[in-house]
PDB file of N, CA and C in Angstrom:
ATOM      1  N   MET A   1     119.174 103.814  87.653  1.00  0.00           N
ATOM      2  CA  MET A   1     120.371 104.421  88.334  1.00  0.00           C
ATOM      3  C   MET A   1     120.617 103.483  89.304  1.00  0.00           C
ATOM      4  N   SER A   2     122.099 103.309  89.605  1.00  0.00           N
ATOM      5  CA  SER A   2     122.643 102.443  90.639  1.00  0.00           C
ATOM      6  C   SER A   2     122.837 103.583  91.635  1.00  0.00           C
ATOM      7  N   PHE A   3     123.005 102.712  93.114  1.00  0.00           N
ATOM      8  CA  PHE A   3     123.124 103.575  94.250  1.00  0.00           C
ATOM      9  C   PHE A   3     124.158 104.166  93.889  1.00  0.00           C
ATOM     10  N   ASP A   4     124.814 105.547  94.643  1.00  0.00           N
ATOM     11  CA  ASP A   4     125.646 106.085  94.405  1.00  0.00           C
ATOM     12  C   ASP A   4     125.982 106.603  95.643  1.00  0.00           C
ATOM     13  N   PRO A   5     126.804 106.013  96.821  1.00  0.00           N
ATOM     14  CA  PRO A   5     127.215 106.635  98.142  1.00  0.00           C
ATOM     15  C   PRO A   5     127.412 107.817  98.338  1.00  0.00           C
ATOM     16  N   SER A   6     128.093 108.763  97.346  1.00  0.00           N
ATOM     17  CA  SER A   6     128.434 110.041  97.671  1.00  0.00           C
ATOM     18  C   SER A   6     127.367 110.554  97.114  1.00  0.00           C
ATOM     19  N   LEU A   7     126.430 110.795  96.964  1.00  0.00           N
ATOM     20  CA  LEU A   7     125.166 111.481  96.629  1.00  0.00           C
ATOM     21  C   LEU A   7     124.130 111.396  97.733  1.00  0.00           C
ATOM     22  N   PRO A   8     123.725 112.408  97.568  1.00  0.00           N
ATOM     23  CA  PRO A   8     123.909 114.094  97.415  1.00  0.00           C
ATOM     24  C   PRO A   8     125.371 114.390  98.010  1.00  0.00           C
ATOM     25  N   ALA A   9     125.786 115.411  97.554  1.00  0.00           N
ATOM     26  CA  ALA A   9     126.941 115.768  97.950  1.00  0.00           C
ATOM     27  C   ALA A   9     126.955 116.924  99.086  1.00  0.00           C
ATOM     28  N   ASN A  10     127.483 117.273  99.912  1.00  0.00           N
ATOM     29  CA  ASN A  10     127.231 117.931 101.097  1.00  0.00           C
ATOM     30  C   ASN A  10     127.384 119.219 100.903  1.00  0.00           C
ATOM     31  N   GLY A  11     126.343 120.170 101.412  1.00  0.00           N
ATOM     32  CA  GLY A  11     126.219 121.276 100.921  1.00  0.00           C
ATOM     33  C   GLY A  11     125.241 121.758  99.471  1.00  0.00           C
ATOM     34  N   SER A  12     125.224 120.655  98.836  1.00  0.00           N
ATOM     35  CA  SER A  12     124.134 120.601  97.670  1.00  0.00           C
ATOM     36  C   SER A  12     122.750 120.815  97.956  1.00  0.00           C
ATOM     37  N   GLU A  13     122.114 121.777  96.992  1.00  0.00           N
ATOM     38  CA  GLU A  13     120.478 121.800  96.994  1.00  0.00           C
ATOM     39  C   GLU A  13     119.907 120.149  96.518  1.00  0.00           C
ATOM     40  N   ILE A  14     118.736 119.863  97.439  1.00  0.00           N
ATOM     41  CA  ILE A  14     117.898 119.077  97.263  1.00  0.00           C
ATOM     42  C   ILE A  14     117.468 118.810  95.622  1.00  0.00           C
ATOM     43  N   ARG A  15     117.676 117.684  95.119  1.00  0.00           N
ATOM     44  CA  ARG A  15     116.911 117.414  93.806  1.00  0.00           C
ATOM     45  C   ARG A  15     116.125 116.243  93.756  1.00  0.00           C
ATOM     46  N   ALA A  16     115.042 116.604  93.244  1.00  0.00           N
ATOM     47  CA  ALA A  16     113.878 114.953  93.232  1.00  0.00           C
ATOM     48  C   ALA A  16     114.817 114.238  92.647  1.00  0.00           C
ATOM     49  N   ALA A  17     115.136 113.988  91.387  1.00  0.00           N
ATOM     50  CA  ALA A  17     115.345 113.024  90.399  1.00  0.00           C
ATOM     51  C   ALA A  17     116.486 112.637  91.103  1.00  0.00           C
ATOM     52  N   GLU A  18     117.426 113.452  91.881  1.00  0.00           N
ATOM     53  CA  GLU A  18     118.828 112.786  92.075  1.00  0.00           C
ATOM     54  C   GLU A  18     118.342 111.889  93.254  1.00  0.00           C
ATOM     55  N   LEU A  19     117.637 112.108  94.487  1.00  0.00           N
ATOM     56  CA  LEU A  19     116.838 111.605  95.519  1.00  0.00           C
ATOM     57  C   LEU A  19     116.255 110.522  95.230  1.00  0.00           C
ATOM     58  N   ARG A  20     115.406 110.387  94.337  1.00  0.00           N
ATOM     59  CA  ARG A  20     114.710 109.307  93.504  1.00  0.00           C
ATOM     60  C   ARG A  20     115.231 108.125  92.857  1.00  0.00           C
ATOM     61  N   GLY A  21     116.653 108.731  92.290  1.00  0.00           N
ATOM     62  CA  GLY A  21     117.437 107.457  91.876  1.00  0.00           C
ATOM     63  C   GLY A  21     118.158 106.685  92.958  1.00  0.00           C
ATOM     64  N   GLN A  22     118.683 107.797  94.006  1.00  0.00           N
ATOM     65  CA  GLN A  22     119.487 107.231  94.694  1.00  0.00           C
ATOM     66  C   GLN A  22     118.154 105.969  96.001  1.00  0.00           C
ATOM     67  N   PHE A  23     117.050 106.381  96.125  1.00  0.00           N
ATOM     68  CA  PHE A  23     116.181 105.362  96.585  1.00  0.00           C
ATOM     69  C   PHE A  23     115.904 104.295  95.593  1.00  0.00           C
ATOM     70  N   ASN A  24     115.665 104.577  94.517  1.00  0.00           N
ATOM     71  CA  ASN A  24     115.515 103.434  93.239  1.00  0.00           C
ATOM     72  C   ASN A  24     116.365 102.400  93.490  1.00  0.00           C
ATOM     73  N   GLY A  25     117.769 103.082  93.392  1.00  0.00           N
ATOM     74  CA  GLY A  25     119.179 102.129  93.495  1.00  0.00           C
ATOM     75  C   GLY A  25     119.336 101.146  94.862  1.00  0.00           C
ATOM     76  N   LEU A  26     118.997 102.115  95.916  1.00  0.00           N
ATOM     77  CA  LEU A  26     118.772 101.339  96.971  1.00  0.00           C
ATOM     78  C   LEU A  26     117.989 100.213  97.261  1.00  0.00           C
ATOM     79  N   ASP A  27     116.567 100.301  96.655  1.00  0.00           N
ATOM     80  CA  ASP A  27     115.529  99.383  96.639  1.00  0.00           C
ATOM     81  C   ASP A  27     115.761  98.145  95.551  1.00  0.00           C
ATOM     82  N   GLU A  28     116.377  98.991  94.654  1.00  0.00           N
ATOM     83  CA  GLU A  28     117.011  97.467  93.761  1.00  0.00           C
ATOM     84  C   GLU A  28     118.602  96.748  94.099  1.00  0.00           C
ATOM     85  N   LYS A  29     119.165  97.126  95.151  1.00  0.00           N
ATOM     86  CA  LYS A  29     120.148  96.468  95.957  1.00  0.00           C
ATOM     87  C   LYS A  29     119.688  95.800  96.618  1.00  0.00           C
ATOM     88  N   LEU A  30     118.569  96.112  97.794  1.00  0.00           N
ATOM     89  CA  LEU A  30     118.163  95.202  98.438  1.00  0.00           C
ATOM     90  C   LEU A  30     117.191  93.970  98.026  1.00  0.00           C
ATOM     91  N   THR A  31     116.507  94.292  97.077  1.00  0.00           N
ATOM     92  CA  THR A  31     115.731  93.329  96.455  1.00  0.00           C
ATOM     93  C   THR A  31     116.777  92.380  96.062  1.00  0.00           C
ATOM     94  N   THR A  32     117.515  92.494  95.138  1.00  0.00           N
ATOM     95  CA  THR A  32     118.714  91.759  94.828  1.00  0.00           C
ATOM     96  C   THR A  32     119.107  90.945  95.856  1.00  0.00           C
ATOM     97  N   GLN A  33     119.840  91.581  96.862  1.00  0.00           N
ATOM     98  CA  GLN A  33     120.270  90.880  98.264  1.00  0.00           C
ATOM     99  C   GLN A  33     119.103  89.797  98.781  1.00  0.00           C
ATOM    100  N   ILE A  34     117.965  90.651  98.911  1.00  0.00           N
ATOM    101  CA  ILE A  34     116.937  89.576  99.418  1.00  0.00           C
ATOM    102  C   ILE A  34     116.516  88.208  98.470  1.00  0.00           C
ATOM    103  N   ALA A  35     116.571  88.519  97.242  1.00  0.00           N
ATOM    104  CA  ALA A  35     116.619  87.696  96.467  1.00  0.00           C
ATOM    105  C   ALA A  35     117.652  86.162  96.377  1.00  0.00           C
ATOM    106  N   ALA A  36     118.830  86.861  96.511  1.00  0.00           N
ATOM    107  CA  ALA A  36     119.945  85.668  96.798  1.00  0.00           C
ATOM    108  C   ALA A  36     119.909  84.654  97.973  1.00  0.00           C
ATOM    109  N   ILE A  37     118.958  85.382  99.000  1.00  0.00           N
ATOM    110  CA  ILE A  37     118.771  84.418 100.198  1.00  0.00           C
ATOM    111  C   ILE A  37     118.263  83.327  99.917  1.00  0.00           C
ATOM    112  N   PRO A  38     119.260  81.869 100.086  1.00  0.00           N
ATOM    113  CA  PRO A  38     118.331  80.619  99.848  1.00  0.00           C
ATOM    114  C   PRO A  38     117.490  80.680 100.784  1.00  0.00           C
ATOM    115  N   ALA A  39     115.801  79.782 100.259  1.00  0.00           N
ATOM    116  CA  ALA A  39     115.204  79.481 100.761  1.00  0.00           C
ATOM    117  C   ALA A  39     115.381  78.098 101.783  1.00  0.00           C
ATOM    118  N   GLY A  40     114.871  78.171 103.016  1.00  0.00           N
ATOM    119  CA  GLY A  40     115.122  76.824 103.649  1.00  0.00           C
ATOM    120  C   GLY A  40     114.038  75.504 102.910  1.00  0.00           C
ATOM    121  N   PRO A  41     114.177  74.492 103.588  1.00  0.00           N
ATOM    122  CA  PRO A  41     113.275  73.302 103.345  1.00  0.00           C
ATOM    123  C   PRO A  41     111.932  73.302 103.666  1.00  0.00           C
ATOM    124  N   PRO A  42     111.220  73.226 102.871  1.00  0.00           N
ATOM    125  CA  PRO A  42     109.626  73.582 103.076  1.00  0.00           C
ATOM    126  C   PRO A  42     109.070  72.908 104.312  1.00  0.00           C
ATOM    127  N   GLY A  43     108.361  73.076 105.015  1.00  0.00           N
ATOM    128  CA  GLY A  43     107.612  72.363 105.913  1.00  0.00           C
ATOM    129  C   GLY A  43     107.043  71.625 105.873  1.00  0.00           C
ATOM    130  N   GLU A  44     106.151  70.645 106.526  1.00  0.00           N
ATOM    131  CA  GLU A  44     105.352  70.053 106.044  1.00  0.00           C
ATOM    132  C   GLU A  44     103.941  70.756 106.430  1.00  0.00           C
ATOM    133  N   LYS A  45     102.717  70.455 105.518  1.00  0.00           N
ATOM    134  CA  LYS A  45     101.758  71.053 105.730  1.00  0.00           C
ATOM    135  C   LYS A  45     101.066  71.116 107.223  1.00  0.00           C
ATOM    136  N   GLY A  46     100.730  72.128 108.232  1.00  0.00           N
ATOM    137  CA  GLY A  46     100.384  72.346 109.521  1.00  0.00           C
ATOM    138  C   GLY A  46     101.553  71.695 110.442  1.00  0.00           C
ATOM    139  N   ASP A  47     102.631  71.830 110.168  1.00  0.00           N
ATOM    140  CA  ASP A  47     103.858  71.527 110.889  1.00  0.00           C
ATOM    141  C   ASP A  47     104.040  72.662 111.699  1.00  0.00           C
ATOM    142  N   LYS A  48     103.845  72.417 113.024  1.00  0.00           N
ATOM    143  CA  LYS A  48     103.719  73.939 114.442  1.00  0.00           C
ATOM    144  C   LYS A  48     105.089  73.585 115.013  1.00  0.00           C
ATOM    145  N   GLY A  49     105.787  72.417 114.986  1.00  0.00           N
ATOM    146  CA  GLY A  49     107.058  72.023 115.915  1.00  0.00           C
ATOM    147  C   GLY A  49     106.492  71.221 117.274  1.00  0.00           C
ATOM    148  N   ASP A  50     107.428  71.192 117.980  1.00  0.00           N
ATOM    149  CA  ASP A  50     107.025  70.222 119.166  1.00  0.00           C
ATOM    150  C   ASP A  50     106.177  70.895 119.960  1.00  0.00           C
ATOM    151  N   THR A  51     105.161  70.780 120.824  1.00  0.00           N
ATOM    152  CA  THR A  51     104.450  71.189 121.931  1.00  0.00           C
ATOM    153  C   THR A  51     105.015  71.326 123.180  1.00  0.00           C
ATOM    154  N   GLY A  52     104.886  72.200 124.198  1.00  0.00           N
ATOM    155  CA  GLY A  52     105.495  72.151 125.340  1.00  0.00           C
ATOM    156  C   GLY A  52     104.797  71.335 126.639  1.00  0.00           C
ATOM    157  N   GLU A  53     104.988  71.585 127.479  1.00  0.00           N
ATOM    158  CA  GLU A  53     104.192  70.770 128.985  1.00  0.00           C
ATOM    159  C   GLU A  53     102.562  71.775 128.652  1.00  0.00           C
ATOM    160  N   THR A  54     102.024  70.671 129.241  1.00  0.00           N
ATOM    161  CA  THR A  54     100.687  71.224 129.651  1.00  0.00           C
ATOM    162  C   THR A  54     100.310  71.915 130.618  1.00  0.00           C
ATOM    163  N   GLY A  55      99.820  73.425 131.082  1.00  0.00           N
ATOM    164  CA  GLY A  55      99.701  73.862 131.831  1.00  0.00           C
ATOM    165  C   GLY A  55      98.864  73.552 133.168  1.00  0.00           C
ATOM    166  N   ALA A  56      98.696  73.960 133.739  1.00  0.00           N
ATOM    167  CA  ALA A  56      97.614  73.906 135.283  1.00  0.00           C
ATOM    168  C   ALA A  56      96.338  74.393 134.451  1.00  0.00           C
ATOM    169  N   ALA A  57      95.341  73.481 135.104  1.00  0.00           N
ATOM    170  CA  ALA A  57      93.465  74.298 134.588  1.00  0.00           C
ATOM    171  C   ALA A  57      93.534  75.840 135.183  1.00  0.00           C
ATOM    172  N   GLY A  58      92.837  76.554 134.482  1.00  0.00           N
ATOM    173  CA  GLY A  58      92.598  77.842 134.838  1.00  0.00           C
ATOM    174  C   GLY A  58      91.292  77.922 135.701  1.00  0.00           C
ATOM    175  N   PRO A  59      91.009  79.104 136.395  1.00  0.00           N
ATOM    176  CA  PRO A  59      89.772  78.967 136.985  1.00  0.00           C
ATOM    177  C   PRO A  59      88.615  78.601 136.327  1.00  0.00           C
ATOM    178  N   ALA A  60      87.798  78.369 136.897  1.00  0.00           N
ATOM    179  CA  ALA A  60      86.188  77.758 136.498  1.00  0.00           C
ATOM    180  C   ALA A  60      85.764  79.172 135.875  1.00  0.00           C
ATOM    181  N   GLY A  61      85.056  78.908 134.427  1.00  0.00           N
ATOM    182  CA  GLY A  61      84.524  80.010 133.486  1.00  0.00           C
ATOM    183  C   GLY A  61      83.232  79.902 133.460  1.00  0.00           C
ATOM    184  N   GLU A  62      82.299  79.398 134.727  1.00  0.00           N
ATOM    185  CA  GLU A  62      80.869  79.864 135.251  1.00  0.00           C
ATOM    186  C   GLU A  62      80.750  81.094 135.883  1.00  0.00           C
ATOM    187  N   VAL A  63      80.365  81.987 135.781  1.00  0.00           N
ATOM    188  CA  VAL A  63      79.920  83.081 136.602  1.00  0.00           C
ATOM    189  C   VAL A  63      78.475  83.306 136.846  1.00  0.00           C
ATOM    190  N   THR A  64      78.343  83.111 138.442  1.00  0.00           N
ATOM    191  CA  THR A  64      77.029  83.167 139.063  1.00  0.00           C
ATOM    192  C   THR A  64      76.248  84.451 138.490  1.00  0.00           C
ATOM    193  N   ALA A  65      74.976  84.444 138.872  1.00  0.00           N
ATOM    194  CA  ALA A  65      74.027  85.603 138.637  1.00  0.00           C
ATOM    195  C   ALA A  65      74.083  86.608 139.819  1.00  0.00           C
ATOM    196  N   GLN A  66      74.738  86.242 140.929  1.00  0.00           N
ATOM    197  CA  GLN A  66      75.317  87.664 141.565  1.00  0.00           C
ATOM    198  C   GLN A  66      76.488  88.226 141.677  1.00  0.00           C
ATOM    199  N   GLN A  67      77.424  87.329 140.977  1.00  0.00           N
ATOM    200  CA  GLN A  67      78.484  88.022 140.148  1.00  0.00           C
ATOM    201  C   GLN A  67      78.448  88.770 139.383  1.00  0.00           C
ATOM    202  N   LEU A  68      77.672  88.349 138.281  1.00  0.00           N
ATOM    203  CA  LEU A  68      77.402  89.424 137.064  1.00  0.00           C
ATOM    204  C   LEU A  68      76.718  90.415 137.763  1.00  0.00           C
ATOM    205  N   GLY A  69      75.695  90.262 138.357  1.00  0.00           N
ATOM    206  CA  GLY A  69      74.749  91.494 139.265  1.00  0.00           C
ATOM    207  C   GLY A  69      76.028  92.557 139.750  1.00  0.00           C
ATOM    208  N   ASP A  70      77.000  91.867 140.548  1.00  0.00           N
ATOM    209  CA  ASP A  70      77.970  92.610 140.999  1.00  0.00           C
ATOM    210  C   ASP A  70      78.675  93.756 140.185  1.00  0.00           C
ATOM    211  N   ALA A  71      79.499  92.945 139.207  1.00  0.00           N
ATOM    212  CA  ALA A  71      79.737  93.446 137.953  1.00  0.00           C
ATOM    213  C   ALA A  71      78.991  94.392 137.469  1.00  0.00           C
ATOM    214  N   ILE A  72      77.936  94.342 137.019  1.00  0.00           N
ATOM    215  CA  ILE A  72      77.335  95.408 136.209  1.00  0.00           C
ATOM    216  C   ILE A  72      76.762  96.285 137.208  1.00  0.00           C
ATOM    217  N   ASN A  73      76.772  96.301 138.518  1.00  0.00           N
ATOM    218  CA  ASN A  73      76.512  97.392 139.516  1.00  0.00           C
ATOM    219  C   ASN A  73      77.485  97.916 139.744  1.00  0.00           C
ATOM    220  N   GLY A  74      78.684  98.014 139.456  1.00  0.00           N
ATOM    221  CA  GLY A  74      79.719  99.415 139.082  1.00  0.00           C
ATOM    222  C   GLY A  74      80.033  99.822 138.173  1.00  0.00           C
ATOM    223  N   THR A  75      79.416  99.480 137.107  1.00  0.00           N
ATOM    224  CA  THR A  75      79.492 100.514 135.568  1.00  0.00           C
ATOM    225  C   THR A  75      78.150 101.305 135.472  1.00  0.00           C
ATOM    226  N   PRO A  76      78.743 102.260 134.729  1.00  0.00           N
ATOM    227  CA  PRO A  76      77.292 103.596 134.480  1.00  0.00           C
ATOM    228  C   PRO A  76      76.889 102.754 133.621  1.00  0.00           C
ATOM    229  N   ARG A  77      75.392 103.673 133.541  1.00  0.00           N
ATOM    230  CA  ARG A  77      74.258 102.768 132.484  1.00  0.00           C
ATOM    231  C   ARG A  77      74.794 103.581 131.559  1.00  0.00           C
ATOM    232  N   ASN A  78      74.143 103.356 130.321  1.00  0.00           N
ATOM    233  CA  ASN A  78      73.601 103.885 129.223  1.00  0.00           C
ATOM    234  C   ASN A  78      73.054 105.282 129.315  1.00  0.00           C
ATOM    235  N   VAL A  79      73.512 106.506 128.883  1.00  0.00           N
ATOM    236  CA  VAL A  79      73.281 107.536 128.873  1.00  0.00           C
ATOM    237  C   VAL A  79      72.698 108.128 127.542  1.00  0.00           C
ATOM    238  N   ASP A  80      72.385 107.469 126.614  1.00  0.00           N
ATOM    239  CA  ASP A  80      72.435 107.978 125.035  1.00  0.00           C
ATOM    240  C   ASP A  80      70.770 108.510 125.469  1.00  0.00           C
ATOM    241  N   GLY A  81      70.184 107.986 125.953  1.00  0.00           N
ATOM    242  CA  GLY A  81      68.724 109.241 126.338  1.00  0.00           C
ATOM    243  C   GLY A  81      68.772 110.487 126.413  1.00  0.00           C
ATOM    244  N   ILE A  82      70.263 110.530 127.167  1.00  0.00           N
ATOM    245  CA  ILE A  82      69.729 112.090 127.799  1.00  0.00           C
ATOM    246  C   ILE A  82      70.206 113.113 126.718  1.00  0.00           C
ATOM    247  N   SER A  83      69.662 114.036 126.252  1.00  0.00           N
ATOM    248  CA  SER A  83      70.115 114.900 124.866  1.00  0.00           C
ATOM    249  C   SER A  83      71.071 115.570 125.365  1.00  0.00           C
ATOM    250  N   THR A  84      72.003 115.960 124.602  1.00  0.00           N
ATOM    251  CA  THR A  84      73.150 117.275 124.624  1.00  0.00           C
ATOM    252  C   THR A  84      72.033 118.684 124.902  1.00  0.00           C
ATOM    253  N   LEU A  85      72.969 119.795 125.898  1.00  0.00           N
ATOM    254  CA  LEU A  85      72.117 120.838 125.725  1.00  0.00           C
ATOM    255  C   LEU A  85      72.811 121.813 125.230  1.00  0.00           C
ATOM    256  N   ASP A  86      71.948 122.139 123.904  1.00  0.00           N
ATOM    257  CA  ASP A  86      72.550 123.165 123.056  1.00  0.00           C
ATOM    258  C   ASP A  86      71.419 124.364 123.106  1.00  0.00           C
ATOM    259  N   ILE A  87      72.460 125.281 123.858  1.00  0.00           N
ATOM    260  CA  ILE A  87      71.799 126.589 124.438  1.00  0.00           C
ATOM    261  C   ILE A  87      73.325 127.714 124.339  1.00  0.00           C
ATOM    262  N   VAL A  88      73.052 128.729 123.936  1.00  0.00           N
ATOM    263  CA  VAL A  88      74.192 129.684 124.026  1.00  0.00           C
ATOM    264  C   VAL A  88      73.801 130.660 125.285  1.00  0.00           C
ATOM    265  N   VAL A  89      74.568 130.792 126.235  1.00  0.00           N
ATOM    266  CA  VAL A  89      74.603 131.326 127.197  1.00  0.00           C
ATOM    267  C   VAL A  89      75.011 132.702 127.516  1.00  0.00           C
ATOM    268  N   SER A  90      74.220 133.601 127.717  1.00  0.00           N
ATOM    269  CA  SER A  90      74.301 134.963 128.107  1.00  0.00           C
ATOM    270  C   SER A  90      75.696 135.270 128.607  1.00  0.00           C
ATOM    271  N   ASP A  91      76.056 136.414 128.902  1.00  0.00           N
ATOM    272  CA  ASP A  91      77.048 136.975 129.350  1.00  0.00           C
ATOM    273  C   ASP A  91      76.671 138.094 130.213  1.00  0.00           C
ATOM    274  N   PRO A  92      76.184 138.128 131.536  1.00  0.00           N
ATOM    275  CA  PRO A  92      76.242 137.283 132.666  1.00  0.00           C
ATOM    276  C   PRO A  92      75.093 136.057 132.377  1.00  0.00           C
ATOM    277  N   PRO A  93      75.017 135.134 132.733  1.00  0.00           N
ATOM    278  CA  PRO A  93      74.223 133.819 132.355  1.00  0.00           C
ATOM    279  C   PRO A  93      72.803 134.385 133.008  1.00  0.00           C
ATOM    280  N   THR A  94      71.747 134.222 133.216  1.00  0.00           N
ATOM    281  CA  THR A  94      70.366 134.335 133.571  1.00  0.00           C
ATOM    282  C   THR A  94      69.997 133.274 134.517  1.00  0.00           C
ATOM    283  N   GLN A  95      69.105 133.256 135.179  1.00  0.00           N
ATOM    284  CA  GLN A  95      68.905 132.720 136.251  1.00  0.00           C
ATOM    285  C   GLN A  95      68.218 131.056 135.499  1.00  0.00           C
ATOM    286  N   GLY A  96      67.666 131.452 134.501  1.00  0.00           N
ATOM    287  CA  GLY A  96      66.944 130.497 133.858  1.00  0.00           C
ATOM    288  C   GLY A  96      68.065 129.499 132.649  1.00  0.00           C
ATOM    289  N   GLU A  97      68.795 130.005 132.582  1.00  0.00           N
ATOM    290  CA  GLU A  97      70.307 129.416 132.102  1.00  0.00           C
ATOM    291  C   GLU A  97      70.531 128.450 132.812  1.00  0.00           C
ATOM    292  N   MET A  98      71.442 129.047 133.942  1.00  0.00           N
ATOM    293  CA  MET A  98      72.061 128.054 135.040  1.00  0.00           C
ATOM    294  C   MET A  98      70.979 127.165 135.376  1.00  0.00           C
ATOM    295  N   GLN A  99      69.636 127.403 135.555  1.00  0.00           N
ATOM    296  CA  GLN A  99      68.641 126.150 135.759  1.00  0.00           C
ATOM    297  C   GLN A  99      68.916 125.188 135.145  1.00  0.00           C
ATOM    298  N   LEU A 100      68.878 125.492 133.498  1.00  0.00           N
ATOM    299  CA  LEU A 100      68.724 124.471 132.797  1.00  0.00           C
ATOM    300  C   LEU A 100      69.930 123.672 132.661  1.00  0.00           C
ATOM    301  N   ILE A 101      70.837 124.184 133.101  1.00  0.00           N
ATOM    302  CA  ILE A 101      72.178 123.962 132.897  1.00  0.00           C
ATOM    303  C   ILE A 101      72.461 122.641 134.562  1.00  0.00           C
ATOM    304  N   LEU A 102      71.631 122.965 135.490  1.00  0.00           N
ATOM    305  CA  LEU A 102      71.614 122.403 136.397  1.00  0.00           C
ATOM    306  C   LEU A 102      70.757 121.188 136.182  1.00  0.00           C
ATOM    307  N   ASP A 103      69.823 121.243 135.398  1.00  0.00           N
ATOM    308  CA  ASP A 103      68.877 120.396 135.400  1.00  0.00           C
ATOM    309  C   ASP A 103      69.892 119.335 134.816  1.00  0.00           C
ATOM    310  N   ASN A 104      70.228 119.360 133.974  1.00  0.00           N
ATOM    311  CA  ASN A 104      71.101 118.819 132.410  1.00  0.00           C
ATOM    312  C   ASN A 104      71.978 117.847 133.267  1.00  0.00           C
ATOM    313  N   TYR A 105      72.778 118.766 133.942  1.00  0.00           N
ATOM    314  CA  TYR A 105      73.819 117.884 134.794  1.00  0.00           C
ATOM    315  C   TYR A 105      73.138 116.966 135.679  1.00  0.00           C
ATOM    316  N   ASN A 106      72.203 117.146 136.331  1.00  0.00           N
ATOM    317  CA  ASN A 106      71.467 116.205 137.716  1.00  0.00           C
ATOM    318  C   ASN A 106      71.187 115.029 136.763  1.00  0.00           C
ATOM    319  N   ALA A 107      70.708 115.184 135.450  1.00  0.00           N
ATOM    320  CA  ALA A 107      69.976 114.218 134.640  1.00  0.00           C
ATOM    321  C   ALA A 107      70.957 113.416 134.169  1.00  0.00           C
ATOM    322  N   LEU A 108      72.226 113.726 134.200  1.00  0.00           N
ATOM    323  CA  LEU A 108      73.142 112.849 133.373  1.00  0.00           C
ATOM    324  C   LEU A 108      74.082 112.396 134.529  1.00  0.00           C
ATOM    325  N   VAL A 109      74.175 113.000 135.694  1.00  0.00           N
ATOM    326  CA  VAL A 109      74.493 112.322 137.048  1.00  0.00           C
ATOM    327  C   VAL A 109      73.570 110.739 137.296  1.00  0.00           C
ATOM    328  N   ARG A 110      72.150 111.391 137.691  1.00  0.00           N
ATOM    329  CA  ARG A 110      71.009 110.431 137.635  1.00  0.00           C
ATOM    330  C   ARG A 110      71.379 109.430 136.852  1.00  0.00           C
ATOM    331  N   GLY A 111      71.660 109.392 135.728  1.00  0.00           N
ATOM    332  CA  GLY A 111      71.668 108.522 134.567  1.00  0.00           C
ATOM    333  C   GLY A 111      72.770 107.172 134.400  1.00  0.00           C
ATOM    334  N   LEU A 112      73.878 107.937 134.897  1.00  0.00           N
ATOM    335  CA  LEU A 112      75.189 107.577 134.964  1.00  0.00           C
ATOM    336  C   LEU A 112      74.851 106.495 136.468  1.00  0.00           C
ATOM    337  N   LYS A 113      74.321 106.750 137.291  1.00  0.00           N
ATOM    338  CA  LYS A 113      74.634 105.720 138.580  1.00  0.00           C
ATOM    339  C   LYS A 113      73.341 104.792 138.188  1.00  0.00           C
ATOM    340  N   ARG A 114      73.688 103.658 139.146  1.00  0.00           N
ATOM    341  CA  ARG A 114      72.707 102.204 138.924  1.00  0.00           C
ATOM    342  C   ARG A 114      72.047 102.085 140.143  1.00  0.00           C
ATOM    343  N   ASN A 115      72.540 102.489 141.103  1.00  0.00           N
ATOM    344  CA  ASN A 115      71.784 102.129 142.350  1.00  0.00           C
ATOM    345  C   ASN A 115      70.614 103.332 142.663  1.00  0.00           C
ATOM    346  N   ILE A 116      70.087 104.239 141.934  1.00  0.00           N
ATOM    347  CA  ILE A 116      69.026 105.190 141.803  1.00  0.00           C
ATOM    348  C   ILE A 116      67.776 104.736 141.375  1.00  0.00           C
TER     349      ILE A 116
END
């Protein structure tokens, strides 16, 4: 089916076959138009065009042990070793449940800090 700009008619119910035909007609029309565009001349293999001016040298890439230590010291540690707290808390919570939550929270905070 070729593309028909009058379809679908205003106020008509949507019919899948009609819309599919419209989409296929548009696809065919675009494919034909794209195929008609002439290709430019082929470039030489590896041709990347002219290069620009060389920029200024960047900063040195070496990092001292002190700089690395300072950078790492500002990040949290891996806390994969701290297990999840899989409990059901009663309503109201008991003293033991609250203590368990507090202990797990403190373990997480200690685990995230590098300077402890």
